[in-house]
């Protein structure tokens, strides 16, 4: 339950779904097999997405058009990941998890200071662009979604990773949208949280069918912890600057990547 609280906090705060925190806690901390930890994590991803998407503060940053466009790819990727799941050992899945975490951390730090916001209300934002009130500047801002084909390809990859390593896909999608596609991190995180609950469903079904979701006490405790931790994530996020969120995300991903690549 404590691991779920931590996962829920980071899931609500950073749009990662919390799996990047929960998987190593269950796998390394509690000694569960990686595949079991990933299955439990995907269940909490669904809970986090459902809970956070109902929050009014989160909804004001969501870009529905972008979410629908990318969901076509993330769900397809998650379904492809389900086909790959029986072919991968726990060790290989852990290595994939570690590499993904380190790559995303480097990307986040490389584009640390970029805000991706447009202050001029007259500038056209394109079909997938949107506007929101920015708490950092206190002004209404807009943004365009650049490199749409790249975003679609990364969404497909995020869906595959969601099923294989149990992280919901947000761990790749949020920094990719922010660093390469011009989406501010708050909008990327909120849009990702809306998507990851749907993206995680094929993975949950796959892990259940393969016999990795057989611990209802742990699964229920993790989900309840996630719901409680999401409240903490909302509170911290509303009082944090964007650059702090990026550094926090990069630090967590670096630590997790190091564990799975060098300490396992």
Protein backbone atom coordinates (compact mmCIF):
# COMPACT_ATOMS: atom_id res chain seq x y z
CA UNK A 1 0.00 0.00 0.00
CA UNK A 2 2.89 2.37 0.76
CA UNK A 3 4.34 1.63 -2.66
CA UNK A 4 0.94 2.41 -4.16
CA UNK A 5 0.85 5.74 -2.35
CA UNK A 6 4.21 6.65 -3.85
CA UNK A 7 3.13 5.47 -7.29
CA UNK A 8 -0.13 7.42 -7.12
CA UNK A 9 1.69 10.57 -6.07
CA UNK A 10 4.15 10.44 -8.96
CA UNK A 11 1.45 9.33 -11.37
CA UNK A 12 -0.71 12.36 -10.61
CA UNK A 13 2.25 14.73 -10.39
CA UNK A 14 4.14 13.73 -13.53
CA UNK A 15 1.64 11.89 -15.71
CA UNK A 16 3.70 8.71 -15.63
CA UNK A 17 0.99 6.46 -14.28
CA UNK A 18 3.23 5.60 -11.31
CA UNK A 19 4.46 2.30 -12.75
CA UNK A 20 8.04 3.51 -13.01
CA UNK A 21 8.01 3.73 -9.21
CA UNK A 22 5.77 0.80 -8.34
CA UNK A 23 7.42 -1.89 -10.51
CA UNK A 24 10.86 -1.63 -8.82
CA UNK A 25 9.24 -1.37 -5.36
CA UNK A 26 7.34 -4.62 -5.91
CA UNK A 27 10.11 -6.38 -7.83
CA UNK A 28 13.24 -5.25 -5.96
CA UNK A 29 11.68 -4.24 -2.65
CA UNK A 30 9.19 -7.07 -2.11
CA UNK A 31 10.87 -9.72 -4.25
CA UNK A 32 7.96 -10.37 -6.62
CA UNK A 33 8.74 -11.65 -10.13
CA UNK A 34 9.08 -8.81 -12.62
CA UNK A 35 6.07 -9.97 -14.66
CA UNK A 36 3.86 -10.09 -11.55
CA UNK A 37 5.03 -6.62 -10.51
CA UNK A 38 4.28 -5.32 -14.01
CA UNK A 39 0.77 -6.78 -13.95
CA UNK A 40 -0.05 -5.22 -10.58
CA UNK A 41 1.42 -1.94 -11.79
CA UNK A 42 -0.83 -1.93 -14.86
CA UNK A 43 -3.87 -2.38 -12.62
CA UNK A 44 -2.86 0.67 -10.61
CA UNK A 45 -2.28 2.59 -13.87
CA UNK A 46 -5.93 2.07 -14.74
CA UNK A 47 -6.94 3.27 -11.27
CA UNK A 48 -4.67 6.33 -11.44
CA UNK A 49 -5.94 7.32 -14.86
CA UNK A 50 -9.58 6.97 -13.83
CA UNK A 51 -9.09 8.96 -10.64
CA UNK A 52 -6.86 11.74 -11.97
CA UNK A 53 -8.98 12.29 -15.07
CA UNK A 54 -11.92 13.19 -12.83
CA UNK A 55 -9.98 15.99 -11.11
CA UNK A 56 -10.93 19.48 -12.32
CA UNK A 57 -7.37 20.83 -11.99
CA UNK A 58 -6.03 18.05 -14.20
CA UNK A 59 -8.81 18.30 -16.81
CA UNK A 60 -8.03 21.93 -17.61
CA UNK A 61 -4.66 20.88 -19.06
CA UNK A 62 -5.99 17.91 -21.08
CA UNK A 63 -5.93 18.14 -24.88
CA UNK A 64 -8.80 15.83 -25.95
CA UNK A 65 -8.06 15.96 -29.68
CA UNK A 66 -4.43 15.00 -29.13
CA UNK A 67 -5.44 12.24 -26.70
CA UNK A 68 -7.83 10.63 -29.18
CA UNK A 69 -5.28 10.85 -32.02
CA UNK A 70 -2.54 9.20 -29.97
CA UNK A 71 -4.81 6.59 -28.37
CA UNK A 72 -5.26 4.90 -31.74
CA UNK A 73 -1.54 4.18 -31.68
CA UNK A 74 -1.01 3.40 -27.98
CA UNK A 75 -3.79 0.80 -27.92
CA UNK A 76 -2.41 -0.79 -31.10
CA UNK A 77 1.05 -0.85 -29.52
CA UNK A 78 -0.29 -2.35 -26.28
CA UNK A 79 -1.96 -5.11 -28.31
CA UNK A 80 1.31 -5.81 -30.13
CA UNK A 81 3.09 -5.91 -26.78
CA UNK A 82 0.63 -8.56 -25.64
CA UNK A 83 1.82 -10.75 -28.52
CA UNK A 84 5.46 -10.22 -27.52
CA UNK A 85 4.89 -10.80 -23.80
CA UNK A 86 5.24 -14.63 -23.79
CA UNK A 87 8.50 -14.40 -25.75
CA UNK A 88 10.36 -12.23 -23.20
CA UNK A 89 11.91 -13.38 -19.94
CA UNK A 90 11.76 -11.34 -16.73
CA UNK A 91 15.43 -10.46 -17.17
CA UNK A 92 14.95 -9.10 -20.69
CA UNK A 93 11.86 -7.14 -19.64
CA UNK A 94 13.86 -5.63 -16.78
CA UNK A 95 16.65 -4.57 -19.14
CA UNK A 96 14.13 -2.94 -21.47
CA UNK A 97 12.68 -1.14 -18.46
CA UNK A 98 16.11 0.15 -17.40
CA UNK A 99 17.14 1.36 -20.87
CA UNK A 100 13.83 3.16 -21.34
CA UNK A 101 14.14 4.93 -17.99
CA UNK A 102 17.69 6.18 -18.67
CA UNK A 103 16.96 7.38 -22.21
CA UNK A 104 13.92 9.34 -21.09
CA UNK A 105 15.88 10.90 -18.19
CA UNK A 106 18.56 12.16 -20.59
CA UNK A 107 15.91 13.66 -22.89
CA UNK A 108 14.23 15.46 -19.99
CA UNK A 109 17.48 17.03 -18.75
CA UNK A 110 18.57 18.01 -22.27
CA UNK A 111 15.44 20.16 -22.73
CA UNK A 112 15.18 21.29 -19.11
CA UNK A 113 14.45 24.99 -19.65
CA UNK A 114 12.20 24.84 -22.70
CA UNK A 115 8.63 25.94 -21.90
CA UNK A 116 6.86 25.33 -25.25
CA UNK A 117 4.24 28.02 -24.72
CA UNK A 118 2.91 30.71 -27.07
CA UNK A 119 1.82 33.94 -25.40
CA UNK A 120 0.32 35.66 -28.46
CA UNK A 121 -3.44 34.77 -28.57
CA UNK A 122 -3.57 35.54 -32.32
CA UNK A 123 -1.08 32.85 -33.35
CA UNK A 124 -2.83 29.86 -35.02
CA UNK A 125 -2.29 26.63 -33.11
CA UNK A 126 -3.23 24.06 -35.75
CA UNK A 127 -5.70 21.21 -35.43
CA UNK A 128 -4.09 19.56 -32.41
CA UNK A 129 -2.93 22.68 -30.55
CA UNK A 130 -4.68 24.01 -27.46
CA UNK A 131 -4.72 26.78 -24.83
CA UNK A 132 -4.77 26.77 -21.03
CA UNK A 133 -4.11 29.06 -18.08
CA UNK A 134 -0.45 28.68 -17.11
CA UNK A 135 0.06 28.80 -13.30
CA UNK A 136 3.80 29.47 -13.74
CA UNK A 137 3.36 32.72 -15.69
CA UNK A 138 -0.17 33.55 -14.56
CA UNK A 139 -1.27 34.05 -18.18
CA UNK A 140 -3.33 32.22 -20.78
CA UNK A 141 -0.97 30.43 -23.16
CA UNK A 142 -1.20 28.22 -26.22
CA UNK A 143 0.95 25.63 -27.94
CA UNK A 144 1.23 23.81 -31.25
CA UNK A 145 1.82 20.08 -31.59
CA UNK A 146 4.91 19.69 -33.79
CA UNK A 147 6.21 16.54 -35.50
CA UNK A 148 2.86 14.77 -35.41
CA UNK A 149 4.14 11.64 -37.28
CA UNK A 150 6.92 11.34 -34.67
CA UNK A 151 4.35 11.66 -31.87
CA UNK A 152 2.24 8.90 -33.44
CA UNK A 153 5.25 6.60 -33.78
CA UNK A 154 6.32 7.22 -30.19
CA UNK A 155 2.76 6.59 -29.01
CA UNK A 156 2.90 3.18 -30.71
CA UNK A 157 6.18 2.40 -28.95
CA UNK A 158 4.76 3.65 -25.64
CA UNK A 159 1.89 1.20 -26.01
CA UNK A 160 4.28 -1.71 -26.59
CA UNK A 161 6.34 -0.75 -23.53
CA UNK A 162 3.18 -0.38 -21.47
CA UNK A 163 2.37 -4.07 -21.78
CA UNK A 164 5.94 -5.37 -21.60
CA UNK A 165 7.21 -3.44 -18.56
CA UNK A 166 4.00 -2.32 -16.84
CA UNK A 167 4.51 1.45 -16.88
CA UNK A 168 1.40 2.64 -18.68
CA UNK A 169 3.33 4.32 -21.51
CA UNK A 170 3.41 7.76 -19.89
CA UNK A 171 7.07 7.32 -18.95
CA UNK A 172 7.92 7.63 -22.65
CA UNK A 173 5.04 9.72 -23.93
CA UNK A 174 5.24 12.66 -21.50
CA UNK A 175 8.92 13.58 -22.06
CA UNK A 176 8.60 12.86 -25.81
CA UNK A 177 5.64 15.21 -26.25
CA UNK A 178 7.37 17.84 -24.14
CA UNK A 179 10.85 17.63 -25.64
CA UNK A 180 10.21 16.88 -29.32
CA UNK A 181 6.60 17.81 -30.09
CA UNK A 182 6.22 21.23 -28.44
CA UNK A 183 3.66 20.25 -25.78
CA UNK A 184 4.13 21.92 -22.34
CA UNK A 185 4.81 19.38 -19.61
CA UNK A 186 1.62 20.07 -17.67
CA UNK A 187 -0.48 19.50 -20.80
CA UNK A 188 1.58 16.45 -21.77
CA UNK A 189 1.19 14.94 -18.29
CA UNK A 190 -2.57 15.55 -18.05
CA UNK A 191 -3.20 14.24 -21.57
CA UNK A 192 -1.04 11.20 -20.89
CA UNK A 193 -2.90 10.38 -17.67
CA UNK A 194 -6.18 10.43 -19.59
CA UNK A 195 -4.74 7.98 -22.14
CA UNK A 196 -2.78 5.50 -20.06
CA UNK A 197 -5.81 3.92 -18.39
CA UNK A 198 -7.10 2.79 -21.79
CA UNK A 199 -3.62 1.82 -22.98
CA UNK A 200 -3.04 -0.40 -19.93
CA UNK A 201 -6.13 -2.57 -20.46
CA UNK A 202 -4.61 -5.02 -23.02
CA UNK A 203 -1.64 -5.49 -20.69
CA UNK A 204 -3.86 -6.19 -17.67
CA UNK A 205 -5.80 -8.76 -19.66
CA UNK A 206 -2.60 -10.36 -20.94
CA UNK A 207 -0.99 -10.65 -17.51
CA UNK A 208 -4.20 -12.10 -16.06
CA UNK A 209 -4.58 -14.69 -18.82
CA UNK A 210 -0.91 -15.70 -18.43
CA UNK A 211 -1.41 -16.27 -14.68
CA UNK A 212 0.59 -13.35 -13.26
CA UNK A 213 -2.29 -11.63 -11.44
CA UNK A 214 -2.97 -14.13 -8.64
CA UNK A 215 -2.35 -11.99 -5.52
CA UNK A 216 -5.63 -10.12 -4.89
CA UNK A 217 -4.49 -8.80 -1.49
CA UNK A 218 -1.42 -7.10 -2.96
CA UNK A 219 -3.30 -5.92 -6.02
CA UNK A 220 -6.09 -4.36 -3.97
CA UNK A 221 -3.64 -2.77 -1.52
CA UNK A 222 -1.64 -1.23 -4.36
CA UNK A 223 -4.75 0.21 -6.02
CA UNK A 224 -6.02 1.70 -2.74
CA UNK A 225 -2.59 3.19 -2.11
CA UNK A 226 -2.55 4.72 -5.58
CA UNK A 227 -5.91 6.40 -5.02
CA UNK A 228 -4.66 7.92 -1.76
CA UNK A 229 -1.32 8.96 -3.24
CA UNK A 230 -2.98 10.75 -6.16
CA UNK A 231 -4.32 13.34 -3.73
CA UNK A 232 -0.80 14.06 -2.54
CA UNK A 233 0.38 14.37 -6.15
CA UNK A 234 -2.30 16.98 -6.88
CA UNK A 235 -1.32 19.03 -3.84
CA UNK A 236 2.42 19.02 -4.63
CA UNK A 237 1.90 19.62 -8.38
CA UNK A 238 -0.18 22.74 -7.80
CA UNK A 239 2.68 24.23 -5.76
CA UNK A 240 5.65 23.20 -7.93
CA UNK A 241 7.38 24.87 -10.85
CA UNK A 242 7.73 23.07 -14.17
CA UNK A 243 11.54 22.90 -13.97
CA UNK A 244 11.28 21.19 -10.58
CA UNK A 245 8.91 18.57 -12.00
CA UNK A 246 11.33 17.86 -14.86
CA UNK A 247 14.31 17.44 -12.53
CA UNK A 248 12.29 15.19 -10.23
CA UNK A 249 11.20 13.03 -13.16
CA UNK A 250 14.78 12.74 -14.47
CA UNK A 251 16.15 11.82 -11.02
CA UNK A 252 13.60 9.04 -10.52
CA UNK A 253 14.16 7.62 -13.99
CA UNK A 254 17.96 7.67 -13.60
CA UNK A 255 17.79 5.79 -10.29
CA UNK A 256 15.38 3.19 -11.66
CA UNK A 257 17.38 2.71 -14.86
CA UNK A 258 20.58 2.23 -12.87
CA UNK A 259 18.99 -0.45 -10.69
CA UNK A 260 17.79 -2.54 -13.63
CA UNK A 261 20.89 -2.18 -15.77
CA UNK A 262 23.67 -2.38 -13.21
CA UNK A 263 22.35 -3.79 -9.94
CA UNK A 264 20.17 -6.71 -11.10
